[in-house]
Amino acid sequence: MDLAQLTGESWQLEPVEVVQLLSKIGGAGKPLKELGGVKAYRGILTGLNEAFLIDDACKRKLVAEHEGCKEVIKPYLRGSDLGRWNSDWAHLWMIVLPSEQ
């Protein structure tokens, strides 16, 4: 362990390679909170998940019946699908209708 990782502010107990990778990731691009211009607190709120969150079978059926559905059905990734370094998508979909502005 590099002693520089043990500062008065915080200790980073990860291997040096991991600390370097995290530093590289943190220095590249913009944080998500800056891209949207708002702070994320709760994620997407549908008001009625049973109506807007669908599985693969329902998506296939909707698209088979109405080809235009493809444009409003988007992949949906839950916080519980996220791991430390990867995601395990449960093949869920969200019906996203444009809001009036």
PDB file of N, CA and C in Angstrom:
ATOM      1  N   MET A   1       0.847  -1.174   0.000  1.00  0.00           N
ATOM      2  CA  MET A   1       0.000   0.000   0.000  1.00  0.00           C
ATOM      3  C   MET A   1       0.890   1.235   0.000  1.00  0.00           C
ATOM      4  N   ASP A   2       0.516   2.197  -0.820  1.00  0.00           N
ATOM      5  CA  ASP A   2       1.222   3.468  -0.893  1.00  0.00           C
ATOM      6  C   ASP A   2       0.798   4.332   0.293  1.00  0.00           C
ATOM      7  N   LEU A   3       1.756   4.814   1.083  1.00  0.00           N
ATOM      8  CA  LEU A   3       1.442   5.611   2.264  1.00  0.00           C
ATOM      9  C   LEU A   3       0.746   6.922   1.909  1.00  0.00           C
ATOM     10  N   ALA A   4       0.856   7.383   0.654  1.00  0.00           N
ATOM     11  CA  ALA A   4       0.173   8.603   0.231  1.00  0.00           C
ATOM     12  C   ALA A   4      -1.345   8.426   0.266  1.00  0.00           C
ATOM     13  N   GLN A   5      -1.794   7.171   0.284  1.00  0.00           N
ATOM     14  CA  GLN A   5      -3.232   6.898   0.347  1.00  0.00           C
ATOM     15  C   GLN A   5      -3.800   7.117   1.750  1.00  0.00           C
ATOM     16  N   LEU A   6      -2.939   7.230   2.732  1.00  0.00           N
ATOM     17  CA  LEU A   6      -3.361   7.388   4.121  1.00  0.00           C
ATOM     18  C   LEU A   6      -3.212   8.852   4.531  1.00  0.00           C
ATOM     19  N   THR A   7      -4.187   9.659   4.164  1.00  0.00           N
ATOM     20  CA  THR A   7      -4.124  11.086   4.470  1.00  0.00           C
ATOM     21  C   THR A   7      -4.962  11.388   5.703  1.00  0.00           C
ATOM     22  N   GLY A   8      -4.874  12.615   6.164  1.00  0.00           N
ATOM     23  CA  GLY A   8      -5.689  13.038   7.306  1.00  0.00           C
ATOM     24  C   GLY A   8      -7.155  13.148   6.952  1.00  0.00           C
ATOM     25  N   GLU A   9      -7.471  13.334   5.665  1.00  0.00           N
ATOM     26  CA  GLU A   9      -8.860  13.460   5.236  1.00  0.00           C
ATOM     27  C   GLU A   9      -9.561  12.105   5.159  1.00  0.00           C
ATOM     28  N   SER A  10      -8.946  11.184   4.474  1.00  0.00           N
ATOM     29  CA  SER A  10      -9.559   9.860   4.321  1.00  0.00           C
ATOM     30  C   SER A  10      -8.489   8.853   3.957  1.00  0.00           C
ATOM     31  N   TRP A  11      -8.807   7.593   4.161  1.00  0.00           N
ATOM     32  CA  TRP A  11      -7.900   6.526   3.777  1.00  0.00           C
ATOM     33  C   TRP A  11      -8.500   5.784   2.607  1.00  0.00           C
ATOM     34  N   GLN A  12      -7.676   5.498   1.628  1.00  0.00           N
ATOM     35  CA  GLN A  12      -8.107   4.671   0.503  1.00  0.00           C
ATOM     36  C   GLN A  12      -7.379   3.338   0.631  1.00  0.00           C
ATOM     37  N   LEU A  13      -8.123   2.331   0.976  1.00  0.00           N
ATOM     38  CA  LEU A  13      -7.526   1.020   1.229  1.00  0.00           C
ATOM     39  C   LEU A  13      -7.574   0.104   0.012  1.00  0.00           C
ATOM     40  N   GLU A  14      -7.845   0.656  -1.139  1.00  0.00           N
ATOM     41  CA  GLU A  14      -7.873  -0.117  -2.375  1.00  0.00           C
ATOM     42  C   GLU A  14      -6.442  -0.291  -2.878  1.00  0.00           C
ATOM     43  N   PRO A  15      -6.204  -1.306  -3.698  1.00  0.00           N
ATOM     44  CA  PRO A  15      -4.888  -1.428  -4.326  1.00  0.00           C
ATOM     45  C   PRO A  15      -4.576  -0.184  -5.168  1.00  0.00           C
ATOM     46  N   VAL A  16      -3.297   0.127  -5.332  1.00  0.00           N
ATOM     47  CA  VAL A  16      -2.870   1.319  -6.052  1.00  0.00           C
ATOM     48  C   VAL A  16      -3.492   1.378  -7.442  1.00  0.00           C
ATOM     49  N   GLU A  17      -3.600   0.249  -8.124  1.00  0.00           N
ATOM     50  CA  GLU A  17      -4.159   0.222  -9.476  1.00  0.00           C
ATOM     51  C   GLU A  17      -5.614   0.699  -9.480  1.00  0.00           C
ATOM     52  N   VAL A  18      -6.376   0.295  -8.464  1.00  0.00           N
ATOM     53  CA  VAL A  18      -7.787   0.690  -8.366  1.00  0.00           C
ATOM     54  C   VAL A  18      -7.887   2.183  -8.087  1.00  0.00           C
ATOM     55  N   VAL A  19      -7.052   2.691  -7.192  1.00  0.00           N
ATOM     56  CA  VAL A  19      -7.054   4.123  -6.878  1.00  0.00           C
ATOM     57  C   VAL A  19      -6.719   4.936  -8.126  1.00  0.00           C
ATOM     58  N   GLN A  20      -5.736   4.471  -8.897  1.00  0.00           N
ATOM     59  CA  GLN A  20      -5.367   5.172 -10.131  1.00  0.00           C
ATOM     60  C   GLN A  20      -6.512   5.152 -11.138  1.00  0.00           C
ATOM     61  N   LEU A  21      -7.187   4.023 -11.274  1.00  0.00           N
ATOM     62  CA  LEU A  21      -8.311   3.917 -12.200  1.00  0.00           C
ATOM     63  C   LEU A  21      -9.450   4.844 -11.772  1.00  0.00           C
ATOM     64  N   LEU A  22      -9.768   4.844 -10.484  1.00  0.00           N
ATOM     65  CA  LEU A  22     -10.829   5.727  -9.989  1.00  0.00           C
ATOM     66  C   LEU A  22     -10.474   7.195 -10.202  1.00  0.00           C
ATOM     67  N   SER A  23      -9.232   7.537 -10.024  1.00  0.00           N
ATOM     68  CA  SER A  23      -8.782   8.907 -10.255  1.00  0.00           C
ATOM     69  C   SER A  23      -8.923   9.273 -11.727  1.00  0.00           C
ATOM     70  N   LYS A  24      -8.573   8.343 -12.604  1.00  0.00           N
ATOM     71  CA  LYS A  24      -8.691   8.575 -14.047  1.00  0.00           C
ATOM     72  C   LYS A  24     -10.160   8.761 -14.438  1.00  0.00           C
ATOM     73  N   ILE A  25     -11.033   7.909 -13.914  1.00  0.00           N
ATOM     74  CA  ILE A  25     -12.465   8.007 -14.211  1.00  0.00           C
ATOM     75  C   ILE A  25     -13.020   9.322 -13.673  1.00  0.00           C
ATOM     76  N   GLY A  26     -12.640   9.673 -12.449  1.00  0.00           N
ATOM     77  CA  GLY A  26     -13.130  10.903 -11.831  1.00  0.00           C
ATOM     78  C   GLY A  26     -12.672  12.157 -12.554  1.00  0.00           C
ATOM     79  N   GLY A  27     -11.539  12.090 -13.223  1.00  0.00           N
ATOM     80  CA  GLY A  27     -11.013  13.256 -13.921  1.00  0.00           C
ATOM     81  C   GLY A  27     -11.504  13.396 -15.349  1.00  0.00           C
ATOM     82  N   ALA A  28     -12.183  12.381 -15.863  1.00  0.00           N
ATOM     83  CA  ALA A  28     -12.646  12.408 -17.256  1.00  0.00           C
ATOM     84  C   ALA A  28     -14.120  12.779 -17.316  1.00  0.00           C
ATOM     85  N   GLY A  29     -14.483  13.575 -18.289  1.00  0.00           N
ATOM     86  CA  GLY A  29     -15.896  13.884 -18.516  1.00  0.00           C
ATOM     87  C   GLY A  29     -16.495  14.733 -17.417  1.00  0.00           C
ATOM     88  N   LYS A  30     -17.812  14.739 -17.381  1.00  0.00           N
ATOM     89  CA  LYS A  30     -18.566  15.518 -16.400  1.00  0.00           C
ATOM     90  C   LYS A  30     -19.352  14.583 -15.492  1.00  0.00           C
ATOM     91  N   PRO A  31     -19.493  14.936 -14.226  1.00  0.00           N
ATOM     92  CA  PRO A  31     -20.345  14.131 -13.342  1.00  0.00           C
ATOM     93  C   PRO A  31     -21.801  14.199 -13.816  1.00  0.00           C
ATOM     94  N   LEU A  32     -22.560  13.147 -13.564  1.00  0.00           N
ATOM     95  CA  LEU A  32     -23.961  13.101 -13.977  1.00  0.00           C
ATOM     96  C   LEU A  32     -24.756  14.289 -13.462  1.00  0.00           C
ATOM     97  N   LYS A  33     -24.498  14.703 -12.237  1.00  0.00           N
ATOM     98  CA  LYS A  33     -25.274  15.804 -11.668  1.00  0.00           C
ATOM     99  C   LYS A  33     -25.071  17.097 -12.454  1.00  0.00           C
ATOM    100  N   GLU A  34     -23.937  17.252 -13.144  1.00  0.00           N
ATOM    101  CA  GLU A  34     -23.709  18.440 -13.962  1.00  0.00           C
ATOM    102  C   GLU A  34     -24.382  18.330 -15.330  1.00  0.00           C
ATOM    103  N   LEU A  35     -24.533  17.135 -15.839  1.00  0.00           N
ATOM    104  CA  LEU A  35     -25.138  16.960 -17.154  1.00  0.00           C
ATOM    105  C   LEU A  35     -26.607  17.323 -17.165  1.00  0.00           C
ATOM    106  N   GLY A  36     -27.316  16.974 -16.124  1.00  0.00           N
ATOM    107  CA  GLY A  36     -28.747  17.256 -16.075  1.00  0.00           C
ATOM    108  C   GLY A  36     -29.077  18.601 -15.475  1.00  0.00           C
ATOM    109  N   GLY A  37     -28.118  19.180 -14.777  1.00  0.00           N
ATOM    110  CA  GLY A  37     -28.366  20.457 -14.150  1.00  0.00           C
ATOM    111  C   GLY A  37     -29.210  20.371 -12.889  1.00  0.00           C
ATOM    112  N   VAL A  38     -29.495  19.151 -12.433  1.00  0.00           N
ATOM    113  CA  VAL A  38     -30.273  18.960 -11.215  1.00  0.00           C
ATOM    114  C   VAL A  38     -29.627  17.859 -10.384  1.00  0.00           C
ATOM    115  N   LYS A  39     -29.973  17.823  -9.122  1.00  0.00           N
ATOM    116  CA  LYS A  39     -29.484  16.752  -8.258  1.00  0.00           C
ATOM    117  C   LYS A  39     -30.425  15.563  -8.353  1.00  0.00           C
ATOM    118  N   ALA A  40     -29.859  14.391  -8.456  1.00  0.00           N
ATOM    119  CA  ALA A  40     -30.675  13.173  -8.512  1.00  0.00           C
ATOM    120  C   ALA A  40     -30.951  12.701  -7.089  1.00  0.00           C
ATOM    121  N   TYR A  41     -32.220  12.478  -6.795  1.00  0.00           N
ATOM    122  CA  TYR A  41     -32.587  12.009  -5.472  1.00  0.00           C
ATOM    123  C   TYR A  41     -33.269  10.653  -5.516  1.00  0.00           C
ATOM    124  N   ARG A  42     -34.305  10.524  -6.338  1.00  0.00           N
ATOM    125  CA  ARG A  42     -35.129   9.327  -6.285  1.00  0.00           C
ATOM    126  C   ARG A  42     -35.197   8.581  -7.601  1.00  0.00           C
ATOM    127  N   GLY A  43     -34.581   9.049  -8.619  1.00  0.00           N
ATOM    128  CA  GLY A  43     -34.680   8.379  -9.896  1.00  0.00           C
ATOM    129  C   GLY A  43     -35.976   8.742 -10.593  1.00  0.00           C
ATOM    130  N   ILE A  44     -36.442   7.857 -11.437  1.00  0.00           N
ATOM    131  CA  ILE A  44     -37.649   8.103 -12.219  1.00  0.00           C
ATOM    132  C   ILE A  44     -38.871   7.684 -11.406  1.00  0.00           C
ATOM    133  N   LEU A  45     -39.852   8.570 -11.340  1.00  0.00           N
ATOM    134  CA  LEU A  45     -41.108   8.261 -10.665  1.00  0.00           C
ATOM    135  C   LEU A  45     -42.206   8.216 -11.716  1.00  0.00           C
ATOM    136  N   THR A  46     -42.837   7.061 -11.874  1.00  0.00           N
ATOM    137  CA  THR A  46     -43.867   6.919 -12.901  1.00  0.00           C
ATOM    138  C   THR A  46     -45.249   7.278 -12.387  1.00  0.00           C
ATOM    139  N   GLY A  47     -45.463   7.111 -11.104  1.00  0.00           N
ATOM    140  CA  GLY A  47     -46.801   7.316 -10.560  1.00  0.00           C
ATOM    141  C   GLY A  47     -47.620   6.038 -10.599  1.00  0.00           C
ATOM    142  N   LEU A  48     -47.254   5.109 -11.491  1.00  0.00           N
ATOM    143  CA  LEU A  48     -47.965   3.829 -11.581  1.00  0.00           C
ATOM    144  C   LEU A  48     -47.066   2.822 -12.303  1.00  0.00           C
ATOM    145  N   ASN A  49     -46.126   2.248 -11.554  1.00  0.00           N
ATOM    146  CA  ASN A  49     -45.162   1.317 -12.151  1.00  0.00           C
ATOM    147  C   ASN A  49     -45.831   0.191 -12.933  1.00  0.00           C
ATOM    148  N   GLU A  50     -46.964  -0.295 -12.455  1.00  0.00           N
ATOM    149  CA  GLU A  50     -47.636  -1.415 -13.118  1.00  0.00           C
ATOM    150  C   GLU A  50     -48.018  -1.066 -14.560  1.00  0.00           C
ATOM    151  N   ALA A  51     -48.208   0.206 -14.841  1.00  0.00           N
ATOM    152  CA  ALA A  51     -48.604   0.631 -16.183  1.00  0.00           C
ATOM    153  C   ALA A  51     -47.406   0.948 -17.073  1.00  0.00           C
ATOM    154  N   PHE A  52     -46.317   1.396 -16.496  1.00  0.00           N
ATOM    155  CA  PHE A  52     -45.211   1.898 -17.303  1.00  0.00           C
ATOM    156  C   PHE A  52     -43.983   0.998 -17.330  1.00  0.00           C
ATOM    157  N   LEU A  53     -43.854   0.059 -16.401  1.00  0.00           N
ATOM    158  CA  LEU A  53     -42.719  -0.860 -16.388  1.00  0.00           C
ATOM    159  C   LEU A  53     -43.173  -2.217 -16.897  1.00  0.00           C
ATOM    160  N   ILE A  54     -42.488  -2.711 -17.931  1.00  0.00           N
ATOM    161  CA  ILE A  54     -42.903  -3.960 -18.572  1.00  0.00           C
ATOM    162  C   ILE A  54     -41.710  -4.891 -18.736  1.00  0.00           C
ATOM    163  N   ASP A  55     -41.988  -6.168 -18.926  1.00  0.00           N
ATOM    164  CA  ASP A  55     -40.929  -7.149 -19.157  1.00  0.00           C
ATOM    165  C   ASP A  55     -40.754  -7.380 -20.659  1.00  0.00           C
ATOM    166  N   ASP A  56     -39.802  -8.248 -21.011  1.00  0.00           N
ATOM    167  CA  ASP A  56     -39.505  -8.543 -22.420  1.00  0.00           C
ATOM    168  C   ASP A  56     -40.723  -9.061 -23.180  1.00  0.00           C
ATOM    169  N   ALA A  57     -41.478  -9.952 -22.555  1.00  0.00           N
ATOM    170  CA  ALA A  57     -42.627 -10.556 -23.245  1.00  0.00           C
ATOM    171  C   ALA A  57     -43.658  -9.492 -23.598  1.00  0.00           C
ATOM    172  N   CYS A  58     -43.927  -8.595 -22.665  1.00  0.00           N
ATOM    173  CA  CYS A  58     -44.900  -7.530 -22.917  1.00  0.00           C
ATOM    174  C   CYS A  58     -44.380  -6.582 -23.993  1.00  0.00           C
ATOM    175  N   LYS A  59     -43.090  -6.276 -23.952  1.00  0.00           N
ATOM    176  CA  LYS A  59     -42.504  -5.394 -24.974  1.00  0.00           C
ATOM    177  C   LYS A  59     -42.659  -6.014 -26.359  1.00  0.00           C
ATOM    178  N   ARG A  60     -42.310  -7.290 -26.468  1.00  0.00           N
ATOM    179  CA  ARG A  60     -42.418  -7.974 -27.771  1.00  0.00           C
ATOM    180  C   ARG A  60     -43.857  -7.954 -28.278  1.00  0.00           C
ATOM    181  N   LYS A  61     -44.802  -8.194 -27.395  1.00  0.00           N
ATOM    182  CA  LYS A  61     -46.212  -8.207 -27.786  1.00  0.00           C
ATOM    183  C   LYS A  61     -46.662  -6.827 -28.264  1.00  0.00           C
ATOM    184  N   LEU A  62     -46.301  -5.790 -27.509  1.00  0.00           N
ATOM    185  CA  LEU A  62     -46.688  -4.437 -27.891  1.00  0.00           C
ATOM    186  C   LEU A  62     -46.096  -4.034 -29.237  1.00  0.00           C
ATOM    187  N   VAL A  63     -44.820  -4.342 -29.444  1.00  0.00           N
ATOM    188  CA  VAL A  63     -44.156  -3.977 -30.698  1.00  0.00           C
ATOM    189  C   VAL A  63     -44.733  -4.783 -31.861  1.00  0.00           C
ATOM    190  N   ALA A  64     -45.082  -6.052 -31.616  1.00  0.00           N
ATOM    191  CA  ALA A  64     -45.674  -6.877 -32.675  1.00  0.00           C
ATOM    192  C   ALA A  64     -47.034  -6.319 -33.097  1.00  0.00           C
ATOM    193  N   GLU A  65     -47.789  -5.819 -32.132  1.00  0.00           N
ATOM    194  CA  GLU A  65     -49.121  -5.281 -32.429  1.00  0.00           C
ATOM    195  C   GLU A  65     -49.079  -3.859 -32.984  1.00  0.00           C
ATOM    196  N   HIS A  66     -48.079  -3.082 -32.544  1.00  0.00           N
ATOM    197  CA  HIS A  66     -47.965  -1.676 -32.956  1.00  0.00           C
ATOM    198  C   HIS A  66     -46.488  -1.334 -33.109  1.00  0.00           C
ATOM    199  N   GLU A  67     -45.979  -1.342 -34.321  1.00  0.00           N
ATOM    200  CA  GLU A  67     -44.553  -1.100 -34.588  1.00  0.00           C
ATOM    201  C   GLU A  67     -44.062   0.224 -33.983  1.00  0.00           C
ATOM    202  N   GLY A  68     -44.919   1.222 -33.931  1.00  0.00           N
ATOM    203  CA  GLY A  68     -44.546   2.532 -33.405  1.00  0.00           C
ATOM    204  C   GLY A  68     -44.199   2.536 -31.924  1.00  0.00           C
ATOM    205  N   CYS A  69     -44.547   1.477 -31.222  1.00  0.00           N
ATOM    206  CA  CYS A  69     -44.235   1.390 -29.790  1.00  0.00           C
ATOM    207  C   CYS A  69     -42.730   1.397 -29.530  1.00  0.00           C
ATOM    208  N   LYS A  70     -41.955   0.970 -30.515  1.00  0.00           N
ATOM    209  CA  LYS A  70     -40.501   0.932 -30.335  1.00  0.00           C
ATOM    210  C   LYS A  70     -39.956   2.281 -29.887  1.00  0.00           C
ATOM    211  N   GLU A  71     -40.566   3.343 -30.367  1.00  0.00           N
ATOM    212  CA  GLU A  71     -40.049   4.675 -30.081  1.00  0.00           C
ATOM    213  C   GLU A  71     -40.291   5.126 -28.644  1.00  0.00           C
ATOM    214  N   VAL A  72     -41.256   4.556 -27.966  1.00  0.00           N
ATOM    215  CA  VAL A  72     -41.560   4.993 -26.600  1.00  0.00           C
ATOM    216  C   VAL A  72     -41.189   3.956 -25.544  1.00  0.00           C
ATOM    217  N   ILE A  73     -40.637   2.828 -25.948  1.00  0.00           N
ATOM    218  CA  ILE A  73     -40.225   1.804 -24.984  1.00  0.00           C
ATOM    219  C   ILE A  73     -38.703   1.835 -24.871  1.00  0.00           C
ATOM    220  N   LYS A  74     -38.223   2.107 -23.669  1.00  0.00           N
ATOM    221  CA  LYS A  74     -36.790   2.282 -23.414  1.00  0.00           C
ATOM    222  C   LYS A  74     -36.313   1.269 -22.376  1.00  0.00           C
ATOM    223  N   PRO A  75     -35.038   0.844 -22.461  1.00  0.00           N
ATOM    224  CA  PRO A  75     -34.499  -0.053 -21.437  1.00  0.00           C
ATOM    225  C   PRO A  75     -34.564   0.606 -20.056  1.00  0.00           C
ATOM    226  N   TYR A  76     -34.823  -0.195 -19.043  1.00  0.00           N
ATOM    227  CA  TYR A  76     -34.991   0.309 -17.681  1.00  0.00           C
ATOM    228  C   TYR A  76     -34.023  -0.429 -16.767  1.00  0.00           C
ATOM    229  N   LEU A  77     -33.134   0.307 -16.140  1.00  0.00           N
ATOM    230  CA  LEU A  77     -32.148  -0.266 -15.232  1.00  0.00           C
ATOM    231  C   LEU A  77     -32.431   0.254 -13.831  1.00  0.00           C
ATOM    232  N   ARG A  78     -32.687  -0.656 -12.904  1.00  0.00           N
ATOM    233  CA  ARG A  78     -32.979  -0.287 -11.516  1.00  0.00           C
ATOM    234  C   ARG A  78     -31.685  -0.172 -10.713  1.00  0.00           C
ATOM    235  N   GLY A  79     -31.746   0.556  -9.634  1.00  0.00           N
ATOM    236  CA  GLY A  79     -30.587   0.650  -8.754  1.00  0.00           C
ATOM    237  C   GLY A  79     -30.146  -0.714  -8.255  1.00  0.00           C
ATOM    238  N   SER A  80     -31.102  -1.607  -8.038  1.00  0.00           N
ATOM    239  CA  SER A  80     -30.760  -2.952  -7.552  1.00  0.00           C
ATOM    240  C   SER A  80     -30.069  -3.791  -8.629  1.00  0.00           C
ATOM    241  N   ASP A  81     -30.084  -3.329  -9.879  1.00  0.00           N
ATOM    242  CA  ASP A  81     -29.399  -4.038 -10.964  1.00  0.00           C
ATOM    243  C   ASP A  81     -27.924  -3.645 -11.056  1.00  0.00           C
ATOM    244  N   LEU A  82     -27.525  -2.640 -10.292  1.00  0.00           N
ATOM    245  CA  LEU A  82     -26.168  -2.121 -10.378  1.00  0.00           C
ATOM    246  C   LEU A  82     -25.258  -2.762  -9.346  1.00  0.00           C
ATOM    247  N   GLY A  83     -24.091  -3.166  -9.815  1.00  0.00           N
ATOM    248  CA  GLY A  83     -23.052  -3.671  -8.932  1.00  0.00           C
ATOM    249  C   GLY A  83     -21.941  -2.641  -8.844  1.00  0.00           C
ATOM    250  N   ARG A  84     -20.862  -3.013  -8.229  1.00  0.00           N
ATOM    251  CA  ARG A  84     -19.762  -2.065  -8.057  1.00  0.00           C
ATOM    252  C   ARG A  84     -19.109  -1.695  -9.384  1.00  0.00           C
ATOM    253  N   TRP A  85     -18.883  -2.665 -10.228  1.00  0.00           N
ATOM    254  CA  TRP A  85     -18.183  -2.414 -11.487  1.00  0.00           C
ATOM    255  C   TRP A  85     -19.004  -2.805 -12.708  1.00  0.00           C
ATOM    256  N   ASN A  86     -20.210  -3.265 -12.518  1.00  0.00           N
ATOM    257  CA  ASN A  86     -21.002  -3.716 -13.660  1.00  0.00           C
ATOM    258  C   ASN A  86     -22.496  -3.609 -13.340  1.00  0.00           C
ATOM    259  N   SER A  87     -23.288  -3.999 -14.314  1.00  0.00           N
ATOM    260  CA  SER A  87     -24.727  -4.038 -14.091  1.00  0.00           C
ATOM    261  C   SER A  87     -25.255  -5.402 -14.520  1.00  0.00           C
ATOM    262  N   ASP A  88     -26.359  -5.789 -13.941  1.00  0.00           N
ATOM    263  CA  ASP A  88     -27.003  -7.057 -14.272  1.00  0.00           C
ATOM    264  C   ASP A  88     -28.444  -6.732 -14.650  1.00  0.00           C
ATOM    265  N   TRP A  89     -28.622  -6.318 -15.905  1.00  0.00           N
ATOM    266  CA  TRP A  89     -29.918  -5.850 -16.388  1.00  0.00           C
ATOM    267  C   TRP A  89     -30.939  -6.974 -16.345  1.00  0.00           C
ATOM    268  N   ALA A  90     -32.098  -6.706 -15.786  1.00  0.00           N
ATOM    269  CA  ALA A  90     -33.161  -7.707 -15.634  1.00  0.00           C
ATOM    270  C   ALA A  90     -34.093  -7.737 -16.849  1.00  0.00           C
ATOM    271  N   HIS A  91     -33.709  -7.082 -17.942  1.00  0.00           N
ATOM    272  CA  HIS A  91     -34.500  -7.030 -19.180  1.00  0.00           C
ATOM    273  C   HIS A  91     -35.892  -6.454 -18.929  1.00  0.00           C
ATOM    274  N   LEU A  92     -35.902  -5.334 -18.199  1.00  0.00           N
ATOM    275  CA  LEU A  92     -37.139  -4.601 -17.969  1.00  0.00           C
ATOM    276  C   LEU A  92     -37.149  -3.378 -18.888  1.00  0.00           C
ATOM    277  N   TRP A  93     -38.334  -2.897 -19.165  1.00  0.00           N
ATOM    278  CA  TRP A  93     -38.508  -1.784 -20.087  1.00  0.00           C
ATOM    279  C   TRP A  93     -39.460  -0.775 -19.483  1.00  0.00           C
ATOM    280  N   MET A  94     -39.306   0.480 -19.885  1.00  0.00           N
ATOM    281  CA  MET A  94     -40.196   1.537 -19.420  1.00  0.00           C
ATOM    282  C   MET A  94     -40.866   2.185 -20.626  1.00  0.00           C
ATOM    283  N   ILE A  95     -42.160   2.406 -20.499  1.00  0.00           N
ATOM    284  CA  ILE A  95     -42.881   3.156 -21.516  1.00  0.00           C
ATOM    285  C   ILE A  95     -42.688   4.633 -21.162  1.00  0.00           C
ATOM    286  N   VAL A  96     -42.008   5.358 -22.045  1.00  0.00           N
ATOM    287  CA  VAL A  96     -41.674   6.757 -21.791  1.00  0.00           C
ATOM    288  C   VAL A  96     -42.467   7.629 -22.755  1.00  0.00           C
ATOM    289  N   LEU A  97     -43.429   8.318 -22.224  1.00  0.00           N
ATOM    290  CA  LEU A  97     -44.250   9.211 -23.054  1.00  0.00           C
ATOM    291  C   LEU A  97     -43.712  10.625 -22.949  1.00  0.00           C
ATOM    292  N   PRO A  98     -43.622  11.329 -24.075  1.00  0.00           N
ATOM    293  CA  PRO A  98     -43.103  12.701 -24.020  1.00  0.00           C
ATOM    294  C   PRO A  98     -43.987  13.591 -23.167  1.00  0.00           C
ATOM    295  N   SER A  99     -43.356  14.423 -22.353  1.00  0.00           N
ATOM    296  CA  SER A  99     -44.142  15.343 -21.539  1.00  0.00           C
ATOM    297  C   SER A  99     -44.354  16.642 -22.309  1.00  0.00           C
ATOM    298  N   GLU A 100     -45.440  17.286 -22.006  1.00  0.00           N
ATOM    299  CA  GLU A 100     -45.751  18.560 -22.653  1.00  0.00           C
ATOM    300  C   GLU A 100     -44.970  19.656 -21.951  1.00  0.00           C
ATOM    301  N   GLN A 101     -44.395  20.553 -22.750  1.00  0.00           N
ATOM    302  CA  GLN A 101     -43.622  21.645 -22.148  1.00  0.00           C
ATOM    303  C   GLN A 101     -44.034  22.954 -22.742  1.00  0.00           C
TER     304      GLN A 101
END
